[in-house]
Amino acid sequence: MTRDMTGKTVAITGASRGIGAAAARAFAAAGANLVLIARDGDAIAGLAGEIGPRALAVPCDVTRYWEMEAALIAGAKPLAVWTC
């Protein structure tokens, strides 16, 4: 069963590979807007390019509170633009 995530935003840490990347693809397939968070900026940029305009790549180290805060704020700002 697939849940409709249209209009919802999901922030995924560790999105550069493995379970994080798989989760990003699954949420994208369900219609969610995505904030892809990982230290590997090139990897999440590639994944965002694969997913399309509903994905925002934000390089971030989750052990640094201020980086996570900035990533989530960045993800919240363009929601009106993302909604398809």
PDB file of N, CA and C in Angstrom:
ATOM      1  N   MET A   1       0.837  -1.178   0.000  1.00  0.00           N
ATOM      2  CA  MET A   1       0.000   0.000   0.000  1.00  0.00           C
ATOM      3  C   MET A   1       0.888   1.250   0.000  1.00  0.00           C
ATOM      4  N   THR A   2       0.600   2.204  -0.867  1.00  0.00           N
ATOM      5  CA  THR A   2       1.371   3.430  -0.956  1.00  0.00           C
ATOM      6  C   THR A   2       0.548   4.580  -0.400  1.00  0.00           C
ATOM      7  N   ARG A   3       1.138   5.331   0.485  1.00  0.00           N
ATOM      8  CA  ARG A   3       0.462   6.493   1.067  1.00  0.00           C
ATOM      9  C   ARG A   3       0.728   7.715   0.200  1.00  0.00           C
ATOM     10  N   ASP A   4      -0.283   8.514  -0.045  1.00  0.00           N
ATOM     11  CA  ASP A   4      -0.131   9.739  -0.821  1.00  0.00           C
ATOM     12  C   ASP A   4       0.523  10.798   0.058  1.00  0.00           C
ATOM     13  N   MET A   5       1.702  11.259  -0.332  1.00  0.00           N
ATOM     14  CA  MET A   5       2.454  12.256   0.429  1.00  0.00           C
ATOM     15  C   MET A   5       2.464  13.621  -0.266  1.00  0.00           C
ATOM     16  N   THR A   6       1.590  13.795  -1.250  1.00  0.00           N
ATOM     17  CA  THR A   6       1.537  15.051  -1.989  1.00  0.00           C
ATOM     18  C   THR A   6       1.307  16.216  -1.025  1.00  0.00           C
ATOM     19  N   GLY A   7       2.132  17.245  -1.173  1.00  0.00           N
ATOM     20  CA  GLY A   7       2.013  18.413  -0.323  1.00  0.00           C
ATOM     21  C   GLY A   7       2.738  18.308   1.001  1.00  0.00           C
ATOM     22  N   LYS A   8       3.274  17.148   1.317  1.00  0.00           N
ATOM     23  CA  LYS A   8       4.038  16.945   2.551  1.00  0.00           C
ATOM     24  C   LYS A   8       5.519  17.111   2.246  1.00  0.00           C
ATOM     25  N   THR A   9       6.287  17.516   3.246  1.00  0.00           N
ATOM     26  CA  THR A   9       7.734  17.641   3.098  1.00  0.00           C
ATOM     27  C   THR A   9       8.409  16.691   4.066  1.00  0.00           C
ATOM     28  N   VAL A  10       9.383  15.951   3.554  1.00  0.00           N
ATOM     29  CA  VAL A  10      10.121  14.980   4.346  1.00  0.00           C
ATOM     30  C   VAL A  10      11.596  15.351   4.317  1.00  0.00           C
ATOM     31  N   ALA A  11      12.205  15.475   5.489  1.00  0.00           N
ATOM     32  CA  ALA A  11      13.646  15.696   5.589  1.00  0.00           C
ATOM     33  C   ALA A  11      14.298  14.342   5.859  1.00  0.00           C
ATOM     34  N   ILE A  12      15.282  13.989   5.053  1.00  0.00           N
ATOM     35  CA  ILE A  12      15.945  12.694   5.184  1.00  0.00           C
ATOM     36  C   ILE A  12      17.429  12.913   5.436  1.00  0.00           C
ATOM     37  N   THR A  13      17.900  12.466   6.595  1.00  0.00           N
ATOM     38  CA  THR A  13      19.327  12.516   6.885  1.00  0.00           C
ATOM     39  C   THR A  13      19.977  11.245   6.359  1.00  0.00           C
ATOM     40  N   GLY A  14      21.238  11.342   5.999  1.00  0.00           N
ATOM     41  CA  GLY A  14      21.926  10.183   5.427  1.00  0.00           C
ATOM     42  C   GLY A  14      21.396   9.844   4.053  1.00  0.00           C
ATOM     43  N   ALA A  15      20.942  10.859   3.330  1.00  0.00           N
ATOM     44  CA  ALA A  15      20.276  10.632   2.046  1.00  0.00           C
ATOM     45  C   ALA A  15      21.236  10.338   0.898  1.00  0.00           C
ATOM     46  N   SER A  16      22.526  10.380   1.141  1.00  0.00           N
ATOM     47  CA  SER A  16      23.485  10.229   0.041  1.00  0.00           C
ATOM     48  C   SER A  16      23.606   8.804  -0.485  1.00  0.00           C
ATOM     49  N   ARG A  17      23.221   7.826   0.313  1.00  0.00           N
ATOM     50  CA  ARG A  17      23.353   6.429  -0.147  1.00  0.00           C
ATOM     51  C   ARG A  17      22.535   5.494   0.744  1.00  0.00           C
ATOM     52  N   GLY A  18      22.491   4.249   0.354  1.00  0.00           N
ATOM     53  CA  GLY A  18      21.859   3.208   1.176  1.00  0.00           C
ATOM     54  C   GLY A  18      20.391   3.444   1.471  1.00  0.00           C
ATOM     55  N   ILE A  19      20.031   3.210   2.732  1.00  0.00           N
ATOM     56  CA  ILE A  19      18.642   3.323   3.159  1.00  0.00           C
ATOM     57  C   ILE A  19      18.117   4.750   2.984  1.00  0.00           C
ATOM     58  N   GLY A  20      18.957   5.744   3.248  1.00  0.00           N
ATOM     59  CA  GLY A  20      18.528   7.132   3.096  1.00  0.00           C
ATOM     60  C   GLY A  20      18.141   7.458   1.660  1.00  0.00           C
ATOM     61  N   ALA A  21      18.971   7.033   0.706  1.00  0.00           N
ATOM     62  CA  ALA A  21      18.665   7.278  -0.710  1.00  0.00           C
ATOM     63  C   ALA A  21      17.429   6.493  -1.144  1.00  0.00           C
ATOM     64  N   ALA A  22      17.308   5.260  -0.655  1.00  0.00           N
ATOM     65  CA  ALA A  22      16.132   4.446  -0.989  1.00  0.00           C
ATOM     66  C   ALA A  22      14.863   5.075  -0.414  1.00  0.00           C
ATOM     67  N   ALA A  23      14.950   5.595   0.804  1.00  0.00           N
ATOM     68  CA  ALA A  23      13.796   6.261   1.418  1.00  0.00           C
ATOM     69  C   ALA A  23      13.419   7.500   0.611  1.00  0.00           C
ATOM     70  N   ALA A  24      14.422   8.249   0.166  1.00  0.00           N
ATOM     71  CA  ALA A  24      14.154   9.448  -0.640  1.00  0.00           C
ATOM     72  C   ALA A  24      13.404   9.081  -1.912  1.00  0.00           C
ATOM     73  N   ARG A  25      13.846   8.039  -2.575  1.00  0.00           N
ATOM     74  CA  ARG A  25      13.169   7.615  -3.809  1.00  0.00           C
ATOM     75  C   ARG A  25      11.733   7.166  -3.520  1.00  0.00           C
ATOM     76  N   ALA A  26      11.533   6.459  -2.423  1.00  0.00           N
ATOM     77  CA  ALA A  26      10.189   5.980  -2.067  1.00  0.00           C
ATOM     78  C   ALA A  26       9.260   7.153  -1.737  1.00  0.00           C
ATOM     79  N   PHE A  27       9.735   8.106  -0.936  1.00  0.00           N
ATOM     80  CA  PHE A  27       8.912   9.264  -0.611  1.00  0.00           C
ATOM     81  C   PHE A  27       8.627  10.104  -1.857  1.00  0.00           C
ATOM     82  N   ALA A  28       9.612  10.235  -2.735  1.00  0.00           N
ATOM     83  CA  ALA A  28       9.408  10.978  -3.983  1.00  0.00           C
ATOM     84  C   ALA A  28       8.337  10.300  -4.830  1.00  0.00           C
ATOM     85  N   ALA A  29       8.385   8.988  -4.902  1.00  0.00           N
ATOM     86  CA  ALA A  29       7.390   8.243  -5.671  1.00  0.00           C
ATOM     87  C   ALA A  29       5.982   8.428  -5.096  1.00  0.00           C
ATOM     88  N   ALA A  30       5.909   8.680  -3.785  1.00  0.00           N
ATOM     89  CA  ALA A  30       4.622   8.904  -3.130  1.00  0.00           C
ATOM     90  C   ALA A  30       4.188  10.362  -3.228  1.00  0.00           C
ATOM     91  N   GLY A  31       5.001  11.231  -3.862  1.00  0.00           N
ATOM     92  CA  GLY A  31       4.617  12.613  -4.100  1.00  0.00           C
ATOM     93  C   GLY A  31       5.153  13.637  -3.129  1.00  0.00           C
ATOM     94  N   ALA A  32       6.016  13.237  -2.196  1.00  0.00           N
ATOM     95  CA  ALA A  32       6.519  14.168  -1.180  1.00  0.00           C
ATOM     96  C   ALA A  32       7.557  15.133  -1.735  1.00  0.00           C
ATOM     97  N   ASN A  33       7.622  16.306  -1.130  1.00  0.00           N
ATOM     98  CA  ASN A  33       8.739  17.218  -1.316  1.00  0.00           C
ATOM     99  C   ASN A  33       9.845  16.712  -0.393  1.00  0.00           C
ATOM    100  N   LEU A  34      11.099  16.855  -0.799  1.00  0.00           N
ATOM    101  CA  LEU A  34      12.196  16.281  -0.023  1.00  0.00           C
ATOM    102  C   LEU A  34      13.279  17.284   0.297  1.00  0.00           C
ATOM    103  N   VAL A  35      13.805  17.198   1.509  1.00  0.00           N
ATOM    104  CA  VAL A  35      15.022  17.892   1.899  1.00  0.00           C
ATOM    105  C   VAL A  35      16.043  16.778   2.118  1.00  0.00           C
ATOM    106  N   LEU A  36      16.987  16.664   1.197  1.00  0.00           N
ATOM    107  CA  LEU A  36      18.000  15.608   1.243  1.00  0.00           C
ATOM    108  C   LEU A  36      19.207  16.138   2.003  1.00  0.00           C
ATOM    109  N   ILE A  37      19.520  15.493   3.125  1.00  0.00           N
ATOM    110  CA  ILE A  37      20.579  15.963   4.017  1.00  0.00           C
ATOM    111  C   ILE A  37      21.658  14.900   4.142  1.00  0.00           C
ATOM    112  N   ALA A  38      22.906  15.295   3.912  1.00  0.00           N
ATOM    113  CA  ALA A  38      24.052  14.402   4.088  1.00  0.00           C
ATOM    114  C   ALA A  38      25.324  15.226   3.991  1.00  0.00           C
ATOM    115  N   ARG A  39      26.426  14.663   4.446  1.00  0.00           N
ATOM    116  CA  ARG A  39      27.714  15.361   4.332  1.00  0.00           C
ATOM    117  C   ARG A  39      28.226  15.378   2.901  1.00  0.00           C
ATOM    118  N   ASP A  40      27.879  14.365   2.113  1.00  0.00           N
ATOM    119  CA  ASP A  40      28.364  14.251   0.734  1.00  0.00           C
ATOM    120  C   ASP A  40      27.468  15.070  -0.201  1.00  0.00           C
ATOM    121  N   GLY A  41      27.839  16.329  -0.385  1.00  0.00           N
ATOM    122  CA  GLY A  41      27.029  17.240  -1.196  1.00  0.00           C
ATOM    123  C   GLY A  41      26.868  16.790  -2.635  1.00  0.00           C
ATOM    124  N   ASP A  42      27.937  16.224  -3.220  1.00  0.00           N
ATOM    125  CA  ASP A  42      27.845  15.772  -4.613  1.00  0.00           C
ATOM    126  C   ASP A  42      26.837  14.632  -4.763  1.00  0.00           C
ATOM    127  N   ALA A  43      26.836  13.709  -3.808  1.00  0.00           N
ATOM    128  CA  ALA A  43      25.927  12.567  -3.887  1.00  0.00           C
ATOM    129  C   ALA A  43      24.468  12.997  -3.761  1.00  0.00           C
ATOM    130  N   ILE A  44      24.176  13.894  -2.815  1.00  0.00           N
ATOM    131  CA  ILE A  44      22.775  14.311  -2.664  1.00  0.00           C
ATOM    132  C   ILE A  44      22.343  15.241  -3.799  1.00  0.00           C
ATOM    133  N   ALA A  45      23.291  15.978  -4.370  1.00  0.00           N
ATOM    134  CA  ALA A  45      22.951  16.798  -5.543  1.00  0.00           C
ATOM    135  C   ALA A  45      22.574  15.899  -6.714  1.00  0.00           C
ATOM    136  N   GLY A  46      23.301  14.802  -6.886  1.00  0.00           N
ATOM    137  CA  GLY A  46      22.971  13.848  -7.944  1.00  0.00           C
ATOM    138  C   GLY A  46      21.612  13.214  -7.723  1.00  0.00           C
ATOM    139  N   LEU A  47      21.324  12.851  -6.473  1.00  0.00           N
ATOM    140  CA  LEU A  47      20.027  12.259  -6.153  1.00  0.00           C
ATOM    141  C   LEU A  47      18.904  13.267  -6.363  1.00  0.00           C
ATOM    142  N   ALA A  48      19.129  14.511  -5.956  1.00  0.00           N
ATOM    143  CA  ALA A  48      18.112  15.553  -6.175  1.00  0.00           C
ATOM    144  C   ALA A  48      17.858  15.737  -7.668  1.00  0.00           C
ATOM    145  N   GLY A  49      18.923  15.677  -8.470  1.00  0.00           N
ATOM    146  CA  GLY A  49      18.757  15.784  -9.919  1.00  0.00           C
ATOM    147  C   GLY A  49      17.958  14.635 -10.486  1.00  0.00           C
ATOM    148  N   GLU A  50      18.173  13.457  -9.931  1.00  0.00           N
ATOM    149  CA  GLU A  50      17.427  12.263 -10.361  1.00  0.00           C
ATOM    150  C   GLU A  50      15.947  12.389  -9.994  1.00  0.00           C
ATOM    151  N   ILE A  51      15.669  12.885  -8.795  1.00  0.00           N
ATOM    152  CA  ILE A  51      14.294  12.980  -8.311  1.00  0.00           C
ATOM    153  C   ILE A  51      13.541  14.122  -8.989  1.00  0.00           C
ATOM    154  N   GLY A  52      14.201  15.263  -9.149  1.00  0.00           N
ATOM    155  CA  GLY A  52      13.556  16.384  -9.822  1.00  0.00           C
ATOM    156  C   GLY A  52      13.335  17.578  -8.920  1.00  0.00           C
ATOM    157  N   PRO A  53      12.466  18.496  -9.353  1.00  0.00           N
ATOM    158  CA  PRO A  53      12.318  19.784  -8.681  1.00  0.00           C
ATOM    159  C   PRO A  53      11.713  19.735  -7.275  1.00  0.00           C
ATOM    160  N   ARG A  54      11.181  18.627  -6.865  1.00  0.00           N
ATOM    161  CA  ARG A  54      10.630  18.515  -5.512  1.00  0.00           C
ATOM    162  C   ARG A  54      11.683  18.114  -4.490  1.00  0.00           C
ATOM    163  N   ALA A  55      12.954  18.009  -4.907  1.00  0.00           N
ATOM    164  CA  ALA A  55      14.027  17.619  -3.995  1.00  0.00           C
ATOM    165  C   ALA A  55      15.038  18.744  -3.845  1.00  0.00           C
ATOM    166  N   LEU A  56      15.398  19.036  -2.616  1.00  0.00           N
ATOM    167  CA  LEU A  56      16.393  20.057  -2.297  1.00  0.00           C
ATOM    168  C   LEU A  56      17.561  19.366  -1.606  1.00  0.00           C
ATOM    169  N   ALA A  57      18.760  19.502  -2.151  1.00  0.00           N
ATOM    170  CA  ALA A  57      19.966  18.920  -1.557  1.00  0.00           C
ATOM    171  C   ALA A  57      20.613  19.941  -0.635  1.00  0.00           C
ATOM    172  N   VAL A  58      20.834  19.552   0.629  1.00  0.00           N
ATOM    173  CA  VAL A  58      21.454  20.445   1.600  1.00  0.00           C
ATOM    174  C   VAL A  58      22.608  19.709   2.284  1.00  0.00           C
ATOM    175  N   PRO A  59      23.855  20.014   1.897  1.00  0.00           N
ATOM    176  CA  PRO A  59      24.995  19.401   2.579  1.00  0.00           C
ATOM    177  C   PRO A  59      25.000  19.820   4.043  1.00  0.00           C
ATOM    178  N   CYS A  60      25.173  18.850   4.927  1.00  0.00           N
ATOM    179  CA  CYS A  60      25.024  19.133   6.350  1.00  0.00           C
ATOM    180  C   CYS A  60      25.636  18.010   7.174  1.00  0.00           C
ATOM    181  N   ASP A  61      26.236  18.371   8.297  1.00  0.00           N
ATOM    182  CA  ASP A  61      26.710  17.391   9.280  1.00  0.00           C
ATOM    183  C   ASP A  61      25.695  17.393  10.418  1.00  0.00           C
ATOM    184  N   VAL A  62      24.987  16.302  10.583  1.00  0.00           N
ATOM    185  CA  VAL A  62      23.897  16.265  11.567  1.00  0.00           C
ATOM    186  C   VAL A  62      24.385  16.383  13.009  1.00  0.00           C
ATOM    187  N   THR A  63      25.684  16.253  13.241  1.00  0.00           N
ATOM    188  CA  THR A  63      26.192  16.423  14.599  1.00  0.00           C
ATOM    189  C   THR A  63      26.356  17.895  14.964  1.00  0.00           C
ATOM    190  N   ARG A  64      26.143  18.770  13.997  1.00  0.00           N
ATOM    191  CA  ARG A  64      26.237  20.213  14.239  1.00  0.00           C
ATOM    192  C   ARG A  64      24.839  20.812  14.196  1.00  0.00           C
ATOM    193  N   TYR A  65      24.340  21.141  15.373  1.00  0.00           N
ATOM    194  CA  TYR A  65      22.972  21.635  15.510  1.00  0.00           C
ATOM    195  C   TYR A  65      22.680  22.770  14.537  1.00  0.00           C
ATOM    196  N   TRP A  66      23.574  23.743  14.454  1.00  0.00           N
ATOM    197  CA  TRP A  66      23.337  24.921  13.617  1.00  0.00           C
ATOM    198  C   TRP A  66      23.239  24.558  12.144  1.00  0.00           C
ATOM    199  N   GLU A  67      23.934  23.517  11.713  1.00  0.00           N
ATOM    200  CA  GLU A  67      23.812  23.081  10.323  1.00  0.00           C
ATOM    201  C   GLU A  67      22.455  22.425  10.078  1.00  0.00           C
ATOM    202  N   MET A  68      22.009  21.614  11.020  1.00  0.00           N
ATOM    203  CA  MET A  68      20.683  20.992  10.881  1.00  0.00           C
ATOM    204  C   MET A  68      19.585  22.048  10.900  1.00  0.00           C
ATOM    205  N   GLU A  69      19.717  23.001  11.793  1.00  0.00           N
ATOM    206  CA  GLU A  69      18.726  24.077  11.861  1.00  0.00           C
ATOM    207  C   GLU A  69      18.647  24.805  10.517  1.00  0.00           C
ATOM    208  N   ALA A  70      19.790  25.148   9.951  1.00  0.00           N
ATOM    209  CA  ALA A  70      19.825  25.844   8.664  1.00  0.00           C
ATOM    210  C   ALA A  70      19.245  24.984   7.546  1.00  0.00           C
ATOM    211  N   ALA A  71      19.536  23.683   7.574  1.00  0.00           N
ATOM    212  CA  ALA A  71      19.013  22.771   6.550  1.00  0.00           C
ATOM    213  C   ALA A  71      17.490  22.712   6.597  1.00  0.00           C
ATOM    214  N   LEU A  72      16.932  22.625   7.793  1.00  0.00           N
ATOM    215  CA  LEU A  72      15.476  22.540   7.918  1.00  0.00           C
ATOM    216  C   LEU A  72      14.802  23.864   7.569  1.00  0.00           C
ATOM    217  N   ILE A  73      15.430  24.968   7.917  1.00  0.00           N
ATOM    218  CA  ILE A  73      14.888  26.277   7.538  1.00  0.00           C
ATOM    219  C   ILE A  73      14.914  26.420   6.017  1.00  0.00           C
ATOM    220  N   ALA A  74      16.021  26.014   5.400  1.00  0.00           N
ATOM    221  CA  ALA A  74      16.125  26.081   3.925  1.00  0.00           C
ATOM    222  C   ALA A  74      15.048  25.222   3.282  1.00  0.00           C
ATOM    223  N   GLY A  75      14.774  24.061   3.853  1.00  0.00           N
ATOM    224  CA  GLY A  75      13.758  23.175   3.309  1.00  0.00           C
ATOM    225  C   GLY A  75      12.350  23.694   3.464  1.00  0.00           C
ATOM    226  N   ALA A  76      12.117  24.505   4.474  1.00  0.00           N
ATOM    227  CA  ALA A  76      10.776  25.028   4.723  1.00  0.00           C
ATOM    228  C   ALA A  76      10.441  26.215   3.832  1.00  0.00           C
ATOM    229  N   LYS A  77      11.436  26.979   3.420  1.00  0.00           N
ATOM    230  CA  LYS A  77      11.189  28.216   2.658  1.00  0.00           C
ATOM    231  C   LYS A  77      10.560  28.003   1.286  1.00  0.00           C
ATOM    232  N   PRO A  78      11.057  27.085   0.457  1.00  0.00           N
ATOM    233  CA  PRO A  78      10.526  27.038  -0.914  1.00  0.00           C
ATOM    234  C   PRO A  78       9.279  26.162  -1.098  1.00  0.00           C
ATOM    235  N   LEU A  79       8.554  25.840  -0.052  1.00  0.00           N
ATOM    236  CA  LEU A  79       7.433  24.905  -0.191  1.00  0.00           C
ATOM    237  C   LEU A  79       6.402  25.355  -1.214  1.00  0.00           C
ATOM    238  N   ALA A  80       6.091  26.632  -1.271  1.00  0.00           N
ATOM    239  CA  ALA A  80       5.098  27.101  -2.227  1.00  0.00           C
ATOM    240  C   ALA A  80       5.571  26.861  -3.663  1.00  0.00           C
ATOM    241  N   VAL A  81       6.871  26.920  -3.870  1.00  0.00           N
ATOM    242  CA  VAL A  81       7.421  26.679  -5.200  1.00  0.00           C
ATOM    243  C   VAL A  81       7.387  25.198  -5.534  1.00  0.00           C
ATOM    244  N   TRP A  82       7.633  24.352  -4.521  1.00  0.00           N
ATOM    245  CA  TRP A  82       7.706  22.904  -4.759  1.00  0.00           C
ATOM    246  C   TRP A  82       6.368  22.282  -5.072  1.00  0.00           C
ATOM    247  N   THR A  83       5.310  22.767  -4.440  1.00  0.00           N
ATOM    248  CA  THR A  83       4.011  22.117  -4.559  1.00  0.00           C
ATOM    249  C   THR A  83       3.578  22.065  -6.011  1.00  0.00           C
ATOM    250  N   CYS A  84       3.365  20.864  -6.480  1.00  0.00           N
ATOM    251  CA  CYS A  84       2.999  20.657  -7.892  1.00  0.00           C
ATOM    252  C   CYS A  84       1.516  20.358  -8.012  1.00  0.00           C
TER     253      CYS A  84
END
